[in-house]
Amino acid sequence: MQGVPVTVSTSARRLTAAALTAAAVTAVIAVPASAADHGAQWRSVEISRVQYDSPGWDNRSNRSLNQEWVEITNNTRRSVNLDGWTLADEDGHTYTFDHYRLAGRATVRVHTGIGYDARHDVYQDRRAYVWDNRSDTATLRNDHDRYVDDASWGRHHYQARG
């Protein structure tokens, strides 16, 4: 009868080892999947296009100011509440979204000049240009001041994360 407890003990150890191995394999497979999901969530809203040099003469007319814009795109199916999110340039000019919800798979254009906010267009209501034609960075941050995305142009294409 002494052989039976040893066999049970050996079998129990083998089952435990098999379960731990299966758990380890599952964890290795699950970690990249969850990391990918987190990355997809983090990149759900992005700066998709920038028109930093309005066409024609830079004469500070409202028409010219509104031809300078940044597009923000929501790449998910769900709407995102942008209330309190900010869009800023390197000099500290900052636009703060106020009571704005960006629909899923939608884009909003943030114009520099004066206008009436609508579903796909919002206005900073400025009387001067924000985006430098030679070199600048547009940075998008969420309502907790966490970096979301940026777009740079000109002599210093760098990432302004942080």
N, C-alpha and C. Protein backbone atom coordinates (compact mmCIF):
# COMPACT_ATOMS: atom_id res chain seq x y z
N MET A 1 0.81 -1.20 0.00
CA MET A 1 0.00 0.00 0.00
C MET A 1 0.85 1.26 0.00
N GLN A 2 2.10 1.11 0.32
CA GLN A 2 2.93 2.31 0.32
C GLN A 2 3.13 2.86 -1.08
N GLY A 3 2.99 2.04 -2.12
CA GLY A 3 3.15 2.52 -3.49
C GLY A 3 2.03 3.43 -3.93
N VAL A 4 0.85 3.26 -3.41
CA VAL A 4 -0.29 4.07 -3.82
C VAL A 4 -0.13 5.53 -3.40
N PRO A 5 0.23 5.86 -2.15
CA PRO A 5 0.42 7.26 -1.80
C PRO A 5 1.52 7.92 -2.61
N VAL A 6 2.56 7.21 -2.92
CA VAL A 6 3.63 7.78 -3.74
C VAL A 6 3.10 8.09 -5.12
N THR A 7 2.32 7.21 -5.72
CA THR A 7 1.75 7.43 -7.04
C THR A 7 0.80 8.62 -7.02
N VAL A 8 -0.04 8.72 -6.01
CA VAL A 8 -0.95 9.86 -5.89
C VAL A 8 -0.15 11.15 -5.73
N SER A 9 0.87 11.10 -4.89
CA SER A 9 1.69 12.28 -4.68
C SER A 9 2.39 12.68 -5.97
N THR A 10 2.92 11.72 -6.71
CA THR A 10 3.58 12.00 -7.97
C THR A 10 2.58 12.54 -8.98
N SER A 11 1.41 11.93 -9.02
CA SER A 11 0.37 12.40 -9.94
C SER A 11 -0.06 13.82 -9.58
N ALA A 12 -0.20 14.08 -8.29
CA ALA A 12 -0.60 15.42 -7.86
C ALA A 12 0.45 16.45 -8.27
N ARG A 13 1.73 16.08 -8.09
CA ARG A 13 2.80 17.00 -8.49
C ARG A 13 2.79 17.23 -9.99
N ARG A 14 2.55 16.16 -10.75
CA ARG A 14 2.49 16.31 -12.20
C ARG A 14 1.32 17.18 -12.64
N LEU A 15 0.15 16.98 -12.01
CA LEU A 15 -1.01 17.81 -12.34
C LEU A 15 -0.75 19.27 -11.98
N THR A 16 -0.15 19.48 -10.80
CA THR A 16 0.17 20.86 -10.39
C THR A 16 1.16 21.49 -11.36
N ALA A 17 2.19 20.74 -11.75
CA ALA A 17 3.17 21.25 -12.71
C ALA A 17 2.52 21.56 -14.05
N ALA A 18 1.62 20.69 -14.48
CA ALA A 18 0.92 20.92 -15.75
C ALA A 18 0.05 22.16 -15.66
N ALA A 19 -0.64 22.33 -14.54
CA ALA A 19 -1.49 23.51 -14.36
C ALA A 19 -0.67 24.79 -14.34
N LEU A 20 0.46 24.76 -13.63
CA LEU A 20 1.33 25.94 -13.58
C LEU A 20 1.91 26.27 -14.95
N THR A 21 2.29 25.23 -15.69
CA THR A 21 2.81 25.44 -17.05
C THR A 21 1.73 26.05 -17.93
N ALA A 22 0.52 25.53 -17.84
CA ALA A 22 -0.60 26.07 -18.63
C ALA A 22 -0.87 27.52 -18.26
N ALA A 23 -0.82 27.83 -16.95
CA ALA A 23 -1.04 29.21 -16.50
C ALA A 23 0.05 30.14 -17.02
N ALA A 24 1.30 29.65 -16.99
CA ALA A 24 2.41 30.47 -17.48
C ALA A 24 2.29 30.74 -18.97
N VAL A 25 1.91 29.72 -19.73
CA VAL A 25 1.73 29.89 -21.17
C VAL A 25 0.59 30.87 -21.44
N THR A 26 -0.50 30.73 -20.68
CA THR A 26 -1.64 31.64 -20.84
C THR A 26 -1.23 33.07 -20.52
N ALA A 27 -0.45 33.25 -19.46
CA ALA A 27 0.01 34.59 -19.08
C ALA A 27 0.88 35.20 -20.16
N VAL A 28 1.78 34.41 -20.73
CA VAL A 28 2.66 34.91 -21.79
C VAL A 28 1.84 35.34 -23.00
N ILE A 29 0.81 34.59 -23.32
CA ILE A 29 -0.04 34.93 -24.46
C ILE A 29 -0.92 36.12 -24.13
N ALA A 30 -1.43 36.19 -22.90
CA ALA A 30 -2.38 37.25 -22.51
C ALA A 30 -1.71 38.60 -22.35
N VAL A 31 -0.47 38.67 -21.89
CA VAL A 31 0.18 39.95 -21.65
C VAL A 31 0.29 40.77 -22.92
N PRO A 32 0.81 40.22 -24.03
CA PRO A 32 0.85 41.05 -25.23
C PRO A 32 -0.54 41.48 -25.70
N ALA A 33 -1.54 40.63 -25.54
CA ALA A 33 -2.90 41.00 -25.97
C ALA A 33 -3.41 42.17 -25.14
N SER A 34 -3.21 42.12 -23.81
CA SER A 34 -3.69 43.22 -22.99
C SER A 34 -2.89 44.48 -23.25
N ALA A 35 -1.60 44.35 -23.51
CA ALA A 35 -0.79 45.52 -23.84
C ALA A 35 -1.26 46.14 -25.15
N ALA A 36 -1.60 45.30 -26.11
CA ALA A 36 -2.12 45.81 -27.38
C ALA A 36 -3.44 46.53 -27.18
N ASP A 37 -4.31 45.99 -26.31
CA ASP A 37 -5.59 46.64 -26.04
C ASP A 37 -5.36 48.00 -25.40
N HIS A 38 -4.41 48.05 -24.44
CA HIS A 38 -4.13 49.33 -23.77
C HIS A 38 -3.62 50.34 -24.78
N GLY A 39 -2.74 49.92 -25.68
CA GLY A 39 -2.22 50.82 -26.70
C GLY A 39 -3.31 51.31 -27.63
N ALA A 40 -4.22 50.44 -27.98
CA ALA A 40 -5.33 50.83 -28.86
C ALA A 40 -6.21 51.85 -28.15
N GLN A 41 -6.43 51.66 -26.85
CA GLN A 41 -7.25 52.60 -26.10
C GLN A 41 -6.54 53.95 -26.01
N TRP A 42 -5.24 53.93 -25.75
CA TRP A 42 -4.46 55.16 -25.62
C TRP A 42 -4.45 55.94 -26.92
N ARG A 43 -4.40 55.24 -28.06
CA ARG A 43 -4.34 55.90 -29.36
C ARG A 43 -5.71 56.05 -30.01
N SER A 44 -6.76 55.97 -29.25
CA SER A 44 -8.09 56.05 -29.83
C SER A 44 -8.39 57.44 -30.38
N VAL A 45 -7.76 58.47 -29.82
CA VAL A 45 -7.94 59.84 -30.30
C VAL A 45 -6.57 60.35 -30.71
N GLU A 46 -6.49 60.97 -31.89
CA GLU A 46 -5.20 61.43 -32.38
C GLU A 46 -5.33 62.71 -33.19
N ILE A 47 -4.21 63.40 -33.35
CA ILE A 47 -4.14 64.52 -34.27
C ILE A 47 -3.94 63.90 -35.65
N SER A 48 -4.92 64.07 -36.52
CA SER A 48 -4.86 63.38 -37.81
C SER A 48 -4.32 64.26 -38.94
N ARG A 49 -4.54 65.57 -38.87
CA ARG A 49 -4.04 66.49 -39.91
C ARG A 49 -3.86 67.87 -39.32
N VAL A 50 -2.91 68.62 -39.90
CA VAL A 50 -2.69 70.00 -39.47
C VAL A 50 -2.51 70.87 -40.71
N GLN A 51 -3.25 71.98 -40.75
CA GLN A 51 -3.07 73.00 -41.78
C GLN A 51 -2.50 74.21 -41.04
N TYR A 52 -1.17 74.27 -40.92
CA TYR A 52 -0.53 75.31 -40.11
C TYR A 52 -0.26 76.58 -40.90
N ASP A 53 -0.25 76.50 -42.21
CA ASP A 53 0.01 77.67 -43.05
C ASP A 53 -1.23 77.90 -43.90
N SER A 54 -2.08 78.82 -43.46
CA SER A 54 -3.32 79.04 -44.21
C SER A 54 -3.00 79.52 -45.63
N PRO A 55 -3.75 79.01 -46.60
CA PRO A 55 -3.50 79.39 -48.00
C PRO A 55 -3.65 80.90 -48.21
N GLY A 56 -2.88 81.46 -49.10
CA GLY A 56 -2.97 82.89 -49.42
C GLY A 56 -2.13 83.73 -48.47
N TRP A 57 -2.47 85.01 -48.43
CA TRP A 57 -1.74 85.97 -47.60
C TRP A 57 -2.12 85.79 -46.14
N ASP A 58 -1.14 85.90 -45.27
CA ASP A 58 -1.41 85.88 -43.83
C ASP A 58 -1.78 87.31 -43.40
N ASN A 59 -3.04 87.66 -43.60
CA ASN A 59 -3.48 89.02 -43.34
C ASN A 59 -4.33 89.15 -42.07
N ARG A 60 -4.40 88.08 -41.27
CA ARG A 60 -5.15 88.04 -40.03
C ARG A 60 -6.64 88.26 -40.20
N SER A 61 -7.15 88.14 -41.41
CA SER A 61 -8.60 88.19 -41.58
C SER A 61 -9.18 86.93 -40.95
N ASN A 62 -10.43 86.97 -40.53
CA ASN A 62 -11.05 85.81 -39.91
C ASN A 62 -11.07 84.63 -40.88
N ARG A 63 -11.26 84.92 -42.16
CA ARG A 63 -11.26 83.86 -43.17
C ARG A 63 -9.90 83.16 -43.22
N SER A 64 -8.83 83.96 -43.22
CA SER A 64 -7.48 83.40 -43.23
C SER A 64 -7.18 82.64 -41.94
N LEU A 65 -7.57 83.20 -40.80
CA LEU A 65 -7.35 82.53 -39.52
C LEU A 65 -8.05 81.17 -39.46
N ASN A 66 -9.24 81.11 -40.03
CA ASN A 66 -9.99 79.85 -39.98
C ASN A 66 -9.52 78.82 -41.00
N GLN A 67 -8.61 79.23 -41.89
CA GLN A 67 -8.01 78.25 -42.80
C GLN A 67 -6.74 77.66 -42.18
N GLU A 68 -6.45 78.04 -40.95
CA GLU A 68 -5.41 77.41 -40.14
C GLU A 68 -6.16 76.54 -39.13
N TRP A 69 -5.88 75.23 -39.12
CA TRP A 69 -6.64 74.32 -38.27
C TRP A 69 -5.87 73.04 -37.95
N VAL A 70 -6.39 72.34 -36.95
CA VAL A 70 -5.88 71.02 -36.56
C VAL A 70 -7.07 70.09 -36.50
N GLU A 71 -6.93 68.90 -37.09
CA GLU A 71 -8.00 67.91 -37.03
C GLU A 71 -7.70 66.87 -35.96
N ILE A 72 -8.71 66.57 -35.15
CA ILE A 72 -8.63 65.56 -34.10
C ILE A 72 -9.60 64.45 -34.51
N THR A 73 -9.11 63.21 -34.55
CA THR A 73 -9.92 62.07 -35.00
C THR A 73 -10.07 61.04 -33.89
N ASN A 74 -11.30 60.54 -33.75
CA ASN A 74 -11.61 59.44 -32.84
C ASN A 74 -11.65 58.17 -33.68
N ASN A 75 -10.72 57.26 -33.46
CA ASN A 75 -10.62 56.04 -34.25
C ASN A 75 -11.44 54.87 -33.72
N THR A 76 -12.20 55.10 -32.67
CA THR A 76 -13.00 54.02 -32.11
C THR A 76 -14.46 54.17 -32.53
N ARG A 77 -15.25 53.17 -32.21
CA ARG A 77 -16.69 53.23 -32.52
C ARG A 77 -17.46 54.01 -31.47
N ARG A 78 -16.88 54.18 -30.29
CA ARG A 78 -17.57 54.87 -29.20
C ARG A 78 -17.20 56.35 -29.17
N SER A 79 -18.14 57.17 -28.75
CA SER A 79 -17.85 58.59 -28.63
C SER A 79 -16.90 58.82 -27.46
N VAL A 80 -16.16 59.94 -27.54
CA VAL A 80 -15.20 60.29 -26.49
C VAL A 80 -15.54 61.71 -26.02
N ASN A 81 -15.63 61.87 -24.70
CA ASN A 81 -15.90 63.17 -24.12
C ASN A 81 -14.59 63.96 -24.07
N LEU A 82 -14.49 65.02 -24.86
CA LEU A 82 -13.26 65.83 -24.90
C LEU A 82 -13.32 67.03 -23.95
N ASP A 83 -14.33 67.11 -23.13
CA ASP A 83 -14.46 68.23 -22.19
C ASP A 83 -13.21 68.33 -21.32
N GLY A 84 -12.55 69.47 -21.37
CA GLY A 84 -11.35 69.69 -20.59
C GLY A 84 -10.05 69.29 -21.28
N TRP A 85 -10.14 68.64 -22.45
CA TRP A 85 -8.93 68.29 -23.21
C TRP A 85 -8.33 69.58 -23.78
N THR A 86 -7.02 69.59 -24.01
CA THR A 86 -6.37 70.79 -24.53
C THR A 86 -5.56 70.48 -25.78
N LEU A 87 -5.47 71.49 -26.62
CA LEU A 87 -4.63 71.47 -27.82
C LEU A 87 -3.74 72.71 -27.72
N ALA A 88 -2.43 72.50 -27.72
CA ALA A 88 -1.51 73.62 -27.49
C ALA A 88 -0.36 73.61 -28.47
N ASP A 89 0.21 74.82 -28.68
CA ASP A 89 1.42 74.94 -29.50
C ASP A 89 2.62 75.08 -28.57
N GLU A 90 3.81 75.21 -29.14
CA GLU A 90 5.04 75.31 -28.35
C GLU A 90 5.12 76.58 -27.52
N ASP A 91 4.44 77.64 -27.95
CA ASP A 91 4.50 78.91 -27.24
C ASP A 91 3.48 79.00 -26.11
N GLY A 92 2.69 77.95 -25.92
CA GLY A 92 1.73 77.94 -24.82
C GLY A 92 0.33 78.41 -25.19
N HIS A 93 0.08 78.72 -26.46
CA HIS A 93 -1.29 79.05 -26.87
C HIS A 93 -2.10 77.76 -26.71
N THR A 94 -3.15 77.81 -25.93
CA THR A 94 -3.90 76.60 -25.60
C THR A 94 -5.38 76.79 -25.86
N TYR A 95 -5.95 75.81 -26.53
CA TYR A 95 -7.40 75.73 -26.72
C TYR A 95 -7.91 74.61 -25.83
N THR A 96 -8.96 74.88 -25.06
CA THR A 96 -9.57 73.87 -24.19
C THR A 96 -10.96 73.53 -24.71
N PHE A 97 -11.19 72.26 -24.96
CA PHE A 97 -12.52 71.81 -25.39
C PHE A 97 -13.49 72.01 -24.24
N ASP A 98 -14.66 72.55 -24.55
CA ASP A 98 -15.68 72.82 -23.54
C ASP A 98 -16.98 72.15 -23.94
N HIS A 99 -17.40 71.19 -23.19
CA HIS A 99 -18.67 70.46 -23.43
C HIS A 99 -18.73 69.94 -24.87
N TYR A 100 -17.72 69.20 -25.25
CA TYR A 100 -17.68 68.65 -26.61
C TYR A 100 -17.48 67.14 -26.56
N ARG A 101 -18.33 66.42 -27.26
CA ARG A 101 -18.24 64.96 -27.37
C ARG A 101 -17.97 64.63 -28.83
N LEU A 102 -16.86 63.93 -29.08
CA LEU A 102 -16.47 63.53 -30.43
C LEU A 102 -17.04 62.14 -30.70
N ALA A 103 -17.90 62.07 -31.69
CA ALA A 103 -18.56 60.80 -32.03
C ALA A 103 -17.54 59.76 -32.48
N GLY A 104 -17.95 58.51 -32.44
CA GLY A 104 -17.09 57.43 -32.90
C GLY A 104 -16.81 57.55 -34.39
N ARG A 105 -15.57 57.24 -34.77
CA ARG A 105 -15.13 57.30 -36.18
C ARG A 105 -15.38 58.69 -36.79
N ALA A 106 -15.21 59.73 -35.97
CA ALA A 106 -15.47 61.09 -36.44
C ALA A 106 -14.23 61.96 -36.25
N THR A 107 -14.24 63.10 -36.94
CA THR A 107 -13.15 64.07 -36.87
C THR A 107 -13.73 65.45 -36.60
N VAL A 108 -13.05 66.21 -35.76
CA VAL A 108 -13.40 67.60 -35.54
C VAL A 108 -12.22 68.46 -35.96
N ARG A 109 -12.53 69.57 -36.59
CA ARG A 109 -11.50 70.52 -37.04
C ARG A 109 -11.51 71.71 -36.08
N VAL A 110 -10.34 71.97 -35.48
CA VAL A 110 -10.19 73.08 -34.53
C VAL A 110 -9.58 74.25 -35.30
N HIS A 111 -10.42 75.25 -35.61
CA HIS A 111 -10.00 76.43 -36.37
C HIS A 111 -9.42 77.47 -35.42
N THR A 112 -8.51 78.30 -35.91
CA THR A 112 -7.89 79.33 -35.09
C THR A 112 -8.81 80.53 -34.88
N GLY A 113 -9.54 80.95 -35.91
CA GLY A 113 -10.33 82.18 -35.86
C GLY A 113 -11.63 82.06 -35.09
N ILE A 114 -12.51 83.02 -35.40
CA ILE A 114 -13.79 83.16 -34.71
C ILE A 114 -14.87 82.44 -35.50
N GLY A 115 -15.78 81.77 -34.81
CA GLY A 115 -16.88 81.09 -35.47
C GLY A 115 -17.80 80.44 -34.45
N TYR A 116 -18.83 79.78 -34.95
CA TYR A 116 -19.79 79.08 -34.11
C TYR A 116 -19.46 77.60 -34.11
N ASP A 117 -19.26 77.07 -32.91
CA ASP A 117 -18.94 75.65 -32.79
C ASP A 117 -20.07 74.80 -33.33
N ALA A 118 -19.70 73.73 -34.03
CA ALA A 118 -20.66 72.79 -34.59
C ALA A 118 -20.12 71.38 -34.40
N ARG A 119 -20.80 70.42 -34.95
CA ARG A 119 -20.43 69.01 -34.77
C ARG A 119 -19.01 68.69 -35.25
N HIS A 120 -18.63 69.21 -36.41
CA HIS A 120 -17.33 68.88 -37.01
C HIS A 120 -16.35 70.04 -37.04
N ASP A 121 -16.73 71.18 -36.50
CA ASP A 121 -15.87 72.37 -36.49
C ASP A 121 -16.02 73.11 -35.17
N VAL A 122 -14.89 73.39 -34.53
CA VAL A 122 -14.89 74.25 -33.34
C VAL A 122 -13.87 75.36 -33.58
N TYR A 123 -14.02 76.45 -32.82
CA TYR A 123 -13.23 77.65 -33.08
C TYR A 123 -12.55 78.13 -31.81
N GLN A 124 -11.27 78.52 -31.94
CA GLN A 124 -10.51 79.04 -30.81
C GLN A 124 -10.87 80.50 -30.51
N ASP A 125 -11.52 81.16 -31.46
CA ASP A 125 -11.93 82.56 -31.32
C ASP A 125 -10.75 83.49 -31.08
N ARG A 126 -9.68 83.28 -31.84
CA ARG A 126 -8.49 84.12 -31.75
C ARG A 126 -8.45 85.11 -32.90
N ARG A 127 -7.73 86.18 -32.70
CA ARG A 127 -7.56 87.20 -33.73
C ARG A 127 -6.12 87.22 -34.27
N ALA A 128 -5.34 86.20 -33.92
CA ALA A 128 -3.96 86.07 -34.41
C ALA A 128 -3.66 84.59 -34.65
N TYR A 129 -2.70 84.33 -35.51
CA TYR A 129 -2.33 82.95 -35.84
C TYR A 129 -1.71 82.25 -34.64
N VAL A 130 -1.90 80.95 -34.56
CA VAL A 130 -1.34 80.15 -33.48
C VAL A 130 -0.15 79.33 -33.98
N TRP A 131 -0.32 78.65 -35.09
CA TRP A 131 0.66 77.67 -35.57
C TRP A 131 1.73 78.35 -36.41
N ASP A 132 2.98 78.18 -36.02
CA ASP A 132 4.11 78.76 -36.72
C ASP A 132 4.28 78.06 -38.07
N ASN A 133 4.41 78.82 -39.14
CA ASN A 133 4.54 78.25 -40.48
C ASN A 133 5.85 77.50 -40.69
N ARG A 134 6.90 77.91 -40.01
CA ARG A 134 8.21 77.28 -40.21
C ARG A 134 8.40 76.03 -39.38
N SER A 135 7.97 76.07 -38.12
CA SER A 135 8.29 74.98 -37.21
C SER A 135 7.43 75.11 -35.95
N ASP A 136 6.77 74.03 -35.57
CA ASP A 136 5.93 74.06 -34.38
C ASP A 136 5.52 72.63 -34.04
N THR A 137 4.89 72.48 -32.90
CA THR A 137 4.34 71.20 -32.48
C THR A 137 2.96 71.44 -31.89
N ALA A 138 1.97 70.71 -32.38
CA ALA A 138 0.63 70.72 -31.80
C ALA A 138 0.55 69.53 -30.85
N THR A 139 0.18 69.78 -29.60
CA THR A 139 0.12 68.71 -28.60
C THR A 139 -1.28 68.61 -28.03
N LEU A 140 -1.81 67.40 -28.03
CA LEU A 140 -3.14 67.12 -27.50
C LEU A 140 -2.98 66.42 -26.15
N ARG A 141 -3.68 66.93 -25.13
CA ARG A 141 -3.66 66.33 -23.79
C ARG A 141 -5.09 66.12 -23.32
N ASN A 142 -5.28 65.09 -22.50
CA ASN A 142 -6.63 64.81 -22.00
C ASN A 142 -6.96 65.71 -20.81
N ASP A 143 -8.12 65.49 -20.22
CA ASP A 143 -8.58 66.33 -19.13
C ASP A 143 -7.79 66.13 -17.84
N HIS A 144 -6.88 65.15 -17.78
CA HIS A 144 -5.99 64.96 -16.65
C HIS A 144 -4.58 65.44 -16.99
N ASP A 145 -4.47 66.21 -18.07
CA ASP A 145 -3.20 66.77 -18.56
C ASP A 145 -2.20 65.70 -18.96
N ARG A 146 -2.71 64.54 -19.36
CA ARG A 146 -1.84 63.46 -19.83
C ARG A 146 -1.69 63.55 -21.34
N TYR A 147 -0.48 63.33 -21.81
CA TYR A 147 -0.18 63.35 -23.24
C TYR A 147 -1.05 62.34 -23.98
N VAL A 148 -1.64 62.79 -25.11
CA VAL A 148 -2.42 61.90 -25.97
C VAL A 148 -1.73 61.74 -27.32
N ASP A 149 -1.39 62.87 -27.97
CA ASP A 149 -0.74 62.81 -29.28
C ASP A 149 -0.11 64.16 -29.58
N ASP A 150 0.76 64.18 -30.59
CA ASP A 150 1.30 65.44 -31.07
C ASP A 150 1.61 65.33 -32.56
N ALA A 151 1.80 66.47 -33.17
CA ALA A 151 2.22 66.55 -34.57
C ALA A 151 3.21 67.68 -34.67
N SER A 152 4.38 67.40 -35.26
CA SER A 152 5.43 68.40 -35.41
C SER A 152 5.75 68.62 -36.88
N TRP A 153 6.22 69.80 -37.20
CA TRP A 153 6.67 70.09 -38.56
C TRP A 153 7.82 71.07 -38.47
N GLY A 154 8.54 71.20 -39.58
CA GLY A 154 9.65 72.13 -39.64
C GLY A 154 10.96 71.51 -39.22
N ARG A 155 11.82 72.31 -38.65
CA ARG A 155 13.21 71.92 -38.40
C ARG A 155 13.40 70.94 -37.26
N HIS A 156 12.40 70.65 -36.46
CA HIS A 156 12.63 69.82 -35.28
C HIS A 156 11.54 68.76 -35.10
N HIS A 157 11.38 67.91 -36.03
CA HIS A 157 10.38 66.84 -35.92
C HIS A 157 10.71 65.95 -34.72
N TYR A 158 10.24 66.33 -33.57
CA TYR A 158 10.45 65.52 -32.37
C TYR A 158 9.12 65.22 -31.73
N GLN A 159 9.11 64.30 -30.81
CA GLN A 159 7.90 63.96 -30.09
C GLN A 159 7.88 64.74 -28.77
N ALA A 160 6.84 65.50 -28.54
CA ALA A 160 6.75 66.34 -27.34
C ALA A 160 6.02 65.60 -26.22
N ARG A 161 6.28 64.32 -26.07
CA ARG A 161 5.59 63.54 -25.05
C ARG A 161 6.01 63.93 -23.66
N GLY A 162 5.10 63.70 -22.75
CA GLY A 162 5.47 63.91 -21.35
C GLY A 162 4.46 64.62 -20.56
